[in-house]
Amino acid sequence: MSKEDNLKETQHDAEIGFDEQELNSQEIAEEKVTDALTELQEEFQREKDRYLRLFAEFENFKKRTARERIDMFKTAGEDVINSLLPVLDDFERALKEIEKSEDDGLYKGVALINNKLRETLKSKGLSLMEVKQGDVFDSESHEAVTQIPAPDKKLKGKVIDVVEKGYTLGDKIIRYPKVVIGQ
C-alpha cells in the first residue's frame, strides 16, 4: 500500500468517523427529544388526571349541596311543626271531652278548627304514624314507655296501647309514637 492509498484510507476513515460522530450526536439529540417528549406526556397525563379528579370532586360537591338544600327546604319548618304537635294533642283531648257534652255546635266548631290545622300541617309534609294495638314493637320507629304483662300470649312483644301519637315530616320521624308493650 502506498502512502497515497494510506492517506485516502485515513481520510475515508476520518469521514466515516465524522459521520459516526454526527450520527451519535443525532441519536443523542433524538434520545433527548424522546425523553423530553415522554416526560411531557407523563406530566400531561398527571395534569389531566388531576383535572378529572378536581372536576369529579366539584360535581360531587354540587350534587351534595343540591341534596342538602332540598332536605333543608323539606324540614325548614321542623321546629315550628314540633312546637305545634302538643297543640294537636290538646285538640284531640278537647274533642273527646266536648263529644261527651250535649253541645253539638261547639263540637263541630272545634272539629273544623282541628281539621283545618291538621290539613295545613299535612300540606307542609306532616303525617301521622299509624300504630295500633297488636303491631309488632320496633325500637327504631317506636318509643316504649313501659311494659306490662300481656293480656294475651299473642300480644307478647307487641304494642298494647299508644300513649302518644308519632309524626313524620317527609321521611324523617320528628316524634316517635310512645307505646306500651306486652311482656
C-alpha atoms as a PDB file:
ATOM      1  CA  MET A   1       0.000   0.000   0.000  1.00  0.00           C
ATOM      2  CA  SER A   2       1.309   3.323  -0.880  1.00  0.00           C
ATOM      3  CA  LYS A   3       1.280   6.491   1.089  1.00  0.00           C
ATOM      4  CA  GLU A   4      -1.362   7.811  -1.174  1.00  0.00           C
ATOM      5  CA  ASP A   5      -3.565   4.812  -0.513  1.00  0.00           C
ATOM      6  CA  ASN A   6      -2.944   5.157   3.222  1.00  0.00           C
ATOM      7  CA  LEU A   7      -3.853   8.806   3.061  1.00  0.00           C
ATOM      8  CA  LYS A   8      -7.063   8.072   1.153  1.00  0.00           C
ATOM      9  CA  GLU A   9      -7.953   5.355   3.621  1.00  0.00           C
ATOM     10  CA  THR A  10      -7.271   7.650   6.566  1.00  0.00           C
ATOM     11  CA  GLN A  11      -9.386  10.368   5.011  1.00  0.00           C
ATOM     12  CA  HIS A  12     -12.072   7.834   4.328  1.00  0.00           C
ATOM     13  CA  ASP A  13     -11.880   6.601   7.954  1.00  0.00           C
ATOM     14  CA  ALA A  14     -11.974  10.195   9.149  1.00  0.00           C
ATOM     15  CA  GLU A  15     -15.049  10.856   7.052  1.00  0.00           C
ATOM     16  CA  ILE A  16     -16.668   7.686   8.372  1.00  0.00           C
ATOM     17  CA  GLY A  17     -15.722   8.662  11.932  1.00  0.00           C
ATOM     18  CA  PHE A  18     -17.115  12.125  11.324  1.00  0.00           C
ATOM     19  CA  ASP A  19     -20.298  10.572  10.008  1.00  0.00           C
ATOM     20  CA  GLU A  20     -20.422   8.280  13.038  1.00  0.00           C
ATOM     21  CA  GLN A  21     -19.913  11.246  15.356  1.00  0.00           C
ATOM     22  CA  GLU A  22     -22.634  13.106  13.527  1.00  0.00           C
ATOM     23  CA  LEU A  23     -24.911  10.058  13.815  1.00  0.00           C
ATOM     24  CA  ASN A  24     -24.091   9.662  17.510  1.00  0.00           C
ATOM     25  CA  SER A  25     -24.859  13.305  18.236  1.00  0.00           C
ATOM     26  CA  GLN A  26     -28.110  12.996  16.215  1.00  0.00           C
ATOM     27  CA  GLU A  27     -29.039   9.862  18.163  1.00  0.00           C
ATOM     28  CA  ILE A  28     -28.255  11.623  21.439  1.00  0.00           C
ATOM     29  CA  ALA A  29     -30.330  14.624  20.367  1.00  0.00           C
ATOM     30  CA  GLU A  30     -33.178  12.315  19.334  1.00  0.00           C
ATOM     31  CA  GLU A  31     -32.968  10.484  22.675  1.00  0.00           C
ATOM     32  CA  LYS A  32     -33.088  13.824  24.490  1.00  0.00           C
ATOM     33  CA  VAL A  33     -36.112  14.880  22.456  1.00  0.00           C
ATOM     34  CA  THR A  34     -37.752  11.477  23.075  1.00  0.00           C
ATOM     35  CA  ASP A  35     -37.019  11.711  26.807  1.00  0.00           C
ATOM     36  CA  ALA A  36     -38.364  15.256  26.931  1.00  0.00           C
ATOM     37  CA  LEU A  37     -41.448  14.201  24.962  1.00  0.00           C
ATOM     38  CA  THR A  38     -42.044  11.221  27.280  1.00  0.00           C
ATOM     39  CA  GLU A  39     -41.620  13.462  30.309  1.00  0.00           C
ATOM     40  CA  LEU A  40     -44.076  15.988  28.871  1.00  0.00           C
ATOM     41  CA  GLN A  41     -46.577  13.236  28.076  1.00  0.00           C
ATOM     42  CA  GLU A  42     -46.331  11.906  31.635  1.00  0.00           C
ATOM     43  CA  GLU A  43     -46.763  15.411  33.034  1.00  0.00           C
ATOM     44  CA  PHE A  44     -49.740  15.913  30.715  1.00  0.00           C
ATOM     45  CA  GLN A  45     -51.316  12.660  31.975  1.00  0.00           C
ATOM     46  CA  ARG A  46     -50.758  13.710  35.609  1.00  0.00           C
ATOM     47  CA  GLU A  47     -52.336  17.110  34.969  1.00  0.00           C
ATOM     48  CA  LYS A  48     -55.215  15.525  33.043  1.00  0.00           C
ATOM     49  CA  ASP A  49     -55.811  13.076  35.900  1.00  0.00           C
ATOM     50  CA  ARG A  50     -55.656  15.933  38.417  1.00  0.00           C
ATOM     51  CA  TYR A  51     -58.134  17.942  36.331  1.00  0.00           C
ATOM     52  CA  LEU A  52     -60.551  14.989  36.054  1.00  0.00           C
ATOM     53  CA  ARG A  53     -60.386  14.361  39.795  1.00  0.00           C
ATOM     54  CA  LEU A  54     -60.970  18.033  40.529  1.00  0.00           C
ATOM     55  CA  PHE A  55     -63.896  18.120  38.101  1.00  0.00           C
ATOM     56  CA  ALA A  56     -65.418  14.975  39.648  1.00  0.00           C
ATOM     57  CA  GLU A  57     -64.961  16.411  43.126  1.00  0.00           C
ATOM     58  CA  PHE A  58     -66.705  19.617  42.069  1.00  0.00           C
ATOM     59  CA  GLU A  59     -69.604  17.664  40.517  1.00  0.00           C
ATOM     60  CA  ASN A  60     -69.979  15.677  43.752  1.00  0.00           C
ATOM     61  CA  PHE A  61     -69.942  18.933  45.719  1.00  0.00           C
ATOM     62  CA  LYS A  62     -72.708  20.379  43.522  1.00  0.00           C
ATOM     63  CA  LYS A  63     -74.843  17.247  43.909  1.00  0.00           C
ATOM     64  CA  ARG A  64     -74.294  17.130  47.677  1.00  0.00           C
ATOM     65  CA  THR A  65     -75.181  20.788  48.198  1.00  0.00           C
ATOM     66  CA  ALA A  66     -78.283  20.427  45.997  1.00  0.00           C
ATOM     67  CA  ARG A  67     -79.362  17.396  48.059  1.00  0.00           C
ATOM     68  CA  GLU A  68     -78.701  19.240  51.333  1.00  0.00           C
ATOM     69  CA  ARG A  69     -80.649  22.229  50.077  1.00  0.00           C
ATOM     70  CA  ILE A  70     -83.652  20.074  49.164  1.00  0.00           C
ATOM     71  CA  ASP A  71     -83.506  18.392  52.582  1.00  0.00           C
ATOM     72  CA  MET A  72     -83.297  21.787  54.267  1.00  0.00           C
ATOM     73  CA  PHE A  73     -86.399  23.008  52.441  1.00  0.00           C
ATOM     74  CA  LYS A  74     -88.246  19.806  53.335  1.00  0.00           C
ATOM     75  CA  THR A  75     -87.550  20.217  57.024  1.00  0.00           C
ATOM     76  CA  ALA A  76     -87.262  24.014  57.224  1.00  0.00           C
ATOM     77  CA  GLY A  77     -90.344  24.299  59.413  1.00  0.00           C
ATOM     78  CA  GLU A  78     -89.495  21.325  61.603  1.00  0.00           C
ATOM     79  CA  ASP A  79     -89.080  23.437  64.752  1.00  0.00           C
ATOM     80  CA  VAL A  80     -92.395  25.205  64.226  1.00  0.00           C
ATOM     81  CA  ILE A  81     -94.203  21.956  63.480  1.00  0.00           C
ATOM     82  CA  ASN A  82     -92.619  20.292  66.532  1.00  0.00           C
ATOM     83  CA  SER A  83     -93.933  23.096  68.713  1.00  0.00           C
ATOM     84  CA  LEU A  84     -97.432  22.634  67.232  1.00  0.00           C
ATOM     85  CA  LEU A  85     -97.628  18.893  67.979  1.00  0.00           C
ATOM     86  CA  PRO A  86     -98.735  19.419  71.614  1.00  0.00           C
ATOM     87  CA  VAL A  87    -101.492  21.690  70.268  1.00  0.00           C
ATOM     88  CA  LEU A  88    -102.701  18.815  68.065  1.00  0.00           C
ATOM     89  CA  ASP A  89    -102.719  16.538  71.113  1.00  0.00           C
ATOM     90  CA  ASP A  90    -104.709  19.135  73.082  1.00  0.00           C
ATOM     91  CA  PHE A  91    -107.234  19.395  70.256  1.00  0.00           C
ATOM     92  CA  GLU A  92    -107.790  15.638  70.359  1.00  0.00           C
ATOM     93  CA  ARG A  93    -108.316  15.700  74.126  1.00  0.00           C
ATOM     94  CA  ALA A  94    -110.673  18.676  73.804  1.00  0.00           C
ATOM     95  CA  LEU A  95    -112.682  16.910  71.099  1.00  0.00           C
ATOM     96  CA  LYS A  96    -113.051  13.813  73.293  1.00  0.00           C
ATOM     97  CA  GLU A  97    -114.306  15.913  76.204  1.00  0.00           C
ATOM     98  CA  ILE A  98    -116.642  18.055  74.074  1.00  0.00           C
ATOM     99  CA  GLU A  99    -118.036  14.902  72.475  1.00  0.00           C
ATOM    100  CA  LYS A 100    -119.214  13.822  75.930  1.00  0.00           C
ATOM    101  CA  SER A 101    -121.155  17.057  76.369  1.00  0.00           C
ATOM    102  CA  GLU A 102    -124.503  17.785  74.733  1.00  0.00           C
ATOM    103  CA  ASP A 103    -123.318  20.905  72.832  1.00  0.00           C
ATOM    104  CA  ASP A 104    -123.210  19.744  69.203  1.00  0.00           C
ATOM    105  CA  GLY A 105    -122.346  23.192  67.774  1.00  0.00           C
ATOM    106  CA  LEU A 106    -119.276  23.542  69.976  1.00  0.00           C
ATOM    107  CA  TYR A 107    -118.053  20.110  68.906  1.00  0.00           C
ATOM    108  CA  LYS A 108    -118.471  20.934  65.193  1.00  0.00           C
ATOM    109  CA  GLY A 109    -116.631  24.259  65.576  1.00  0.00           C
ATOM    110  CA  VAL A 110    -113.656  22.728  67.395  1.00  0.00           C
ATOM    111  CA  ALA A 111    -113.613  19.811  64.929  1.00  0.00           C
ATOM    112  CA  LEU A 112    -113.478  22.236  61.988  1.00  0.00           C
ATOM    113  CA  ILE A 113    -110.540  24.127  63.532  1.00  0.00           C
ATOM    114  CA  ASN A 114    -108.809  20.828  64.308  1.00  0.00           C
ATOM    115  CA  ASN A 115    -109.266  19.593  60.730  1.00  0.00           C
ATOM    116  CA  LYS A 116    -108.033  22.887  59.283  1.00  0.00           C
ATOM    117  CA  LEU A 117    -104.884  22.788  61.427  1.00  0.00           C
ATOM    118  CA  ARG A 118    -104.232  19.138  60.526  1.00  0.00           C
ATOM    119  CA  GLU A 119    -104.717  19.751  56.797  1.00  0.00           C
ATOM    120  CA  THR A 120    -102.416  22.777  56.881  1.00  0.00           C
ATOM    121  CA  LEU A 121     -99.695  20.765  58.619  1.00  0.00           C
ATOM    122  CA  LYS A 122    -100.300  17.847  56.246  1.00  0.00           C
ATOM    123  CA  SER A 123     -99.732  20.176  53.284  1.00  0.00           C
ATOM    124  CA  LYS A 124     -96.364  21.083  54.845  1.00  0.00           C
ATOM    125  CA  GLY A 125     -95.353  17.390  54.899  1.00  0.00           C
ATOM    126  CA  LEU A 126     -96.517  16.281  58.355  1.00  0.00           C
ATOM    127  CA  SER A 127     -98.073  12.837  58.520  1.00  0.00           C
ATOM    128  CA  LEU A 128     -99.324  10.655  61.349  1.00  0.00           C
ATOM    129  CA  MET A 129     -97.532   7.386  62.027  1.00  0.00           C
ATOM    130  CA  GLU A 130    -100.151   4.655  62.086  1.00  0.00           C
ATOM    131  CA  VAL A 131     -99.635   2.480  65.150  1.00  0.00           C
ATOM    132  CA  LYS A 132    -102.383   0.295  66.589  1.00  0.00           C
ATOM    133  CA  GLN A 133    -102.778  -2.401  69.182  1.00  0.00           C
ATOM    134  CA  GLY A 134    -101.202  -5.666  68.067  1.00  0.00           C
ATOM    135  CA  ASP A 135     -98.498  -4.117  65.880  1.00  0.00           C
ATOM    136  CA  VAL A 136     -95.030  -5.574  66.357  1.00  0.00           C
ATOM    137  CA  PHE A 137     -92.823  -3.336  68.518  1.00  0.00           C
ATOM    138  CA  ASP A 138     -89.920  -1.838  66.547  1.00  0.00           C
ATOM    139  CA  SER A 139     -87.355   0.028  68.637  1.00  0.00           C
ATOM    140  CA  GLU A 140     -86.320   2.083  65.590  1.00  0.00           C
ATOM    141  CA  SER A 141     -89.784   3.506  64.988  1.00  0.00           C
ATOM    142  CA  HIS A 142     -91.461   3.288  68.429  1.00  0.00           C
ATOM    143  CA  GLU A 143     -90.596   4.552  71.884  1.00  0.00           C
ATOM    144  CA  ALA A 144     -91.532   2.147  74.665  1.00  0.00           C
ATOM    145  CA  VAL A 145     -92.906   3.973  77.690  1.00  0.00           C
ATOM    146  CA  THR A 146     -93.490   0.873  79.763  1.00  0.00           C
ATOM    147  CA  GLN A 147     -94.018  -2.863  79.633  1.00  0.00           C
ATOM    148  CA  ILE A 148     -96.972  -4.625  81.165  1.00  0.00           C
ATOM    149  CA  PRO A 149     -97.885  -8.293  81.328  1.00  0.00           C
ATOM    150  CA  ALA A 150     -99.549  -9.181  78.032  1.00  0.00           C
ATOM    151  CA  PRO A 151    -103.278  -9.854  78.426  1.00  0.00           C
ATOM    152  CA  ASP A 152    -102.958 -12.438  75.667  1.00  0.00           C
ATOM    153  CA  LYS A 153     -99.997 -14.580  74.559  1.00  0.00           C
ATOM    154  CA  LYS A 154    -100.417 -13.203  71.039  1.00  0.00           C
ATOM    155  CA  LEU A 155     -99.563  -9.704  72.333  1.00  0.00           C
ATOM    156  CA  LYS A 156     -96.128 -10.587  73.775  1.00  0.00           C
ATOM    157  CA  GLY A 157     -93.561  -8.159  72.313  1.00  0.00           C
ATOM    158  CA  LYS A 158     -96.332  -6.245  70.581  1.00  0.00           C
ATOM    159  CA  VAL A 159     -97.979  -2.877  71.105  1.00  0.00           C
ATOM    160  CA  ILE A 160    -100.706  -2.940  73.747  1.00  0.00           C
ATOM    161  CA  ASP A 161    -101.570   0.768  73.818  1.00  0.00           C
ATOM    162  CA  VAL A 162    -100.470   4.031  72.164  1.00  0.00           C
ATOM    163  CA  VAL A 163     -99.881   6.741  74.783  1.00  0.00           C
ATOM    164  CA  GLU A 164     -98.806   9.498  72.380  1.00  0.00           C
ATOM    165  CA  LYS A 165     -99.040   9.552  68.584  1.00  0.00           C
ATOM    166  CA  GLY A 166     -95.960   9.783  66.420  1.00  0.00           C
ATOM    167  CA  TYR A 167     -95.429  12.015  63.396  1.00  0.00           C
ATOM    168  CA  THR A 168     -93.132  12.171  60.403  1.00  0.00           C
ATOM    169  CA  LEU A 169     -92.090  15.211  58.411  1.00  0.00           C
ATOM    170  CA  GLY A 170     -91.296  13.946  54.935  1.00  0.00           C
ATOM    171  CA  ASP A 171     -89.239  10.803  55.501  1.00  0.00           C
ATOM    172  CA  LYS A 172     -87.897  11.901  58.889  1.00  0.00           C
ATOM    173  CA  ILE A 173     -89.535  10.895  62.165  1.00  0.00           C
ATOM    174  CA  ILE A 174     -89.915  14.068  64.230  1.00  0.00           C
ATOM    175  CA  ARG A 175     -91.791  12.464  67.129  1.00  0.00           C
ATOM    176  CA  TYR A 176     -91.743   8.779  67.888  1.00  0.00           C
ATOM    177  CA  PRO A 177     -95.021   7.199  68.985  1.00  0.00           C
ATOM    178  CA  LYS A 178     -94.935   6.380  72.703  1.00  0.00           C
ATOM    179  CA  VAL A 179     -96.322   2.917  73.256  1.00  0.00           C
ATOM    180  CA  VAL A 180     -96.935   0.346  75.958  1.00  0.00           C
ATOM    181  CA  ILE A 181     -95.716  -3.124  75.033  1.00  0.00           C
ATOM    182  CA  GLY A 182     -96.664  -6.569  76.269  1.00  0.00           C
ATOM    183  CA  GLN A 183     -94.205  -8.636  78.237  1.00  0.00           C
END
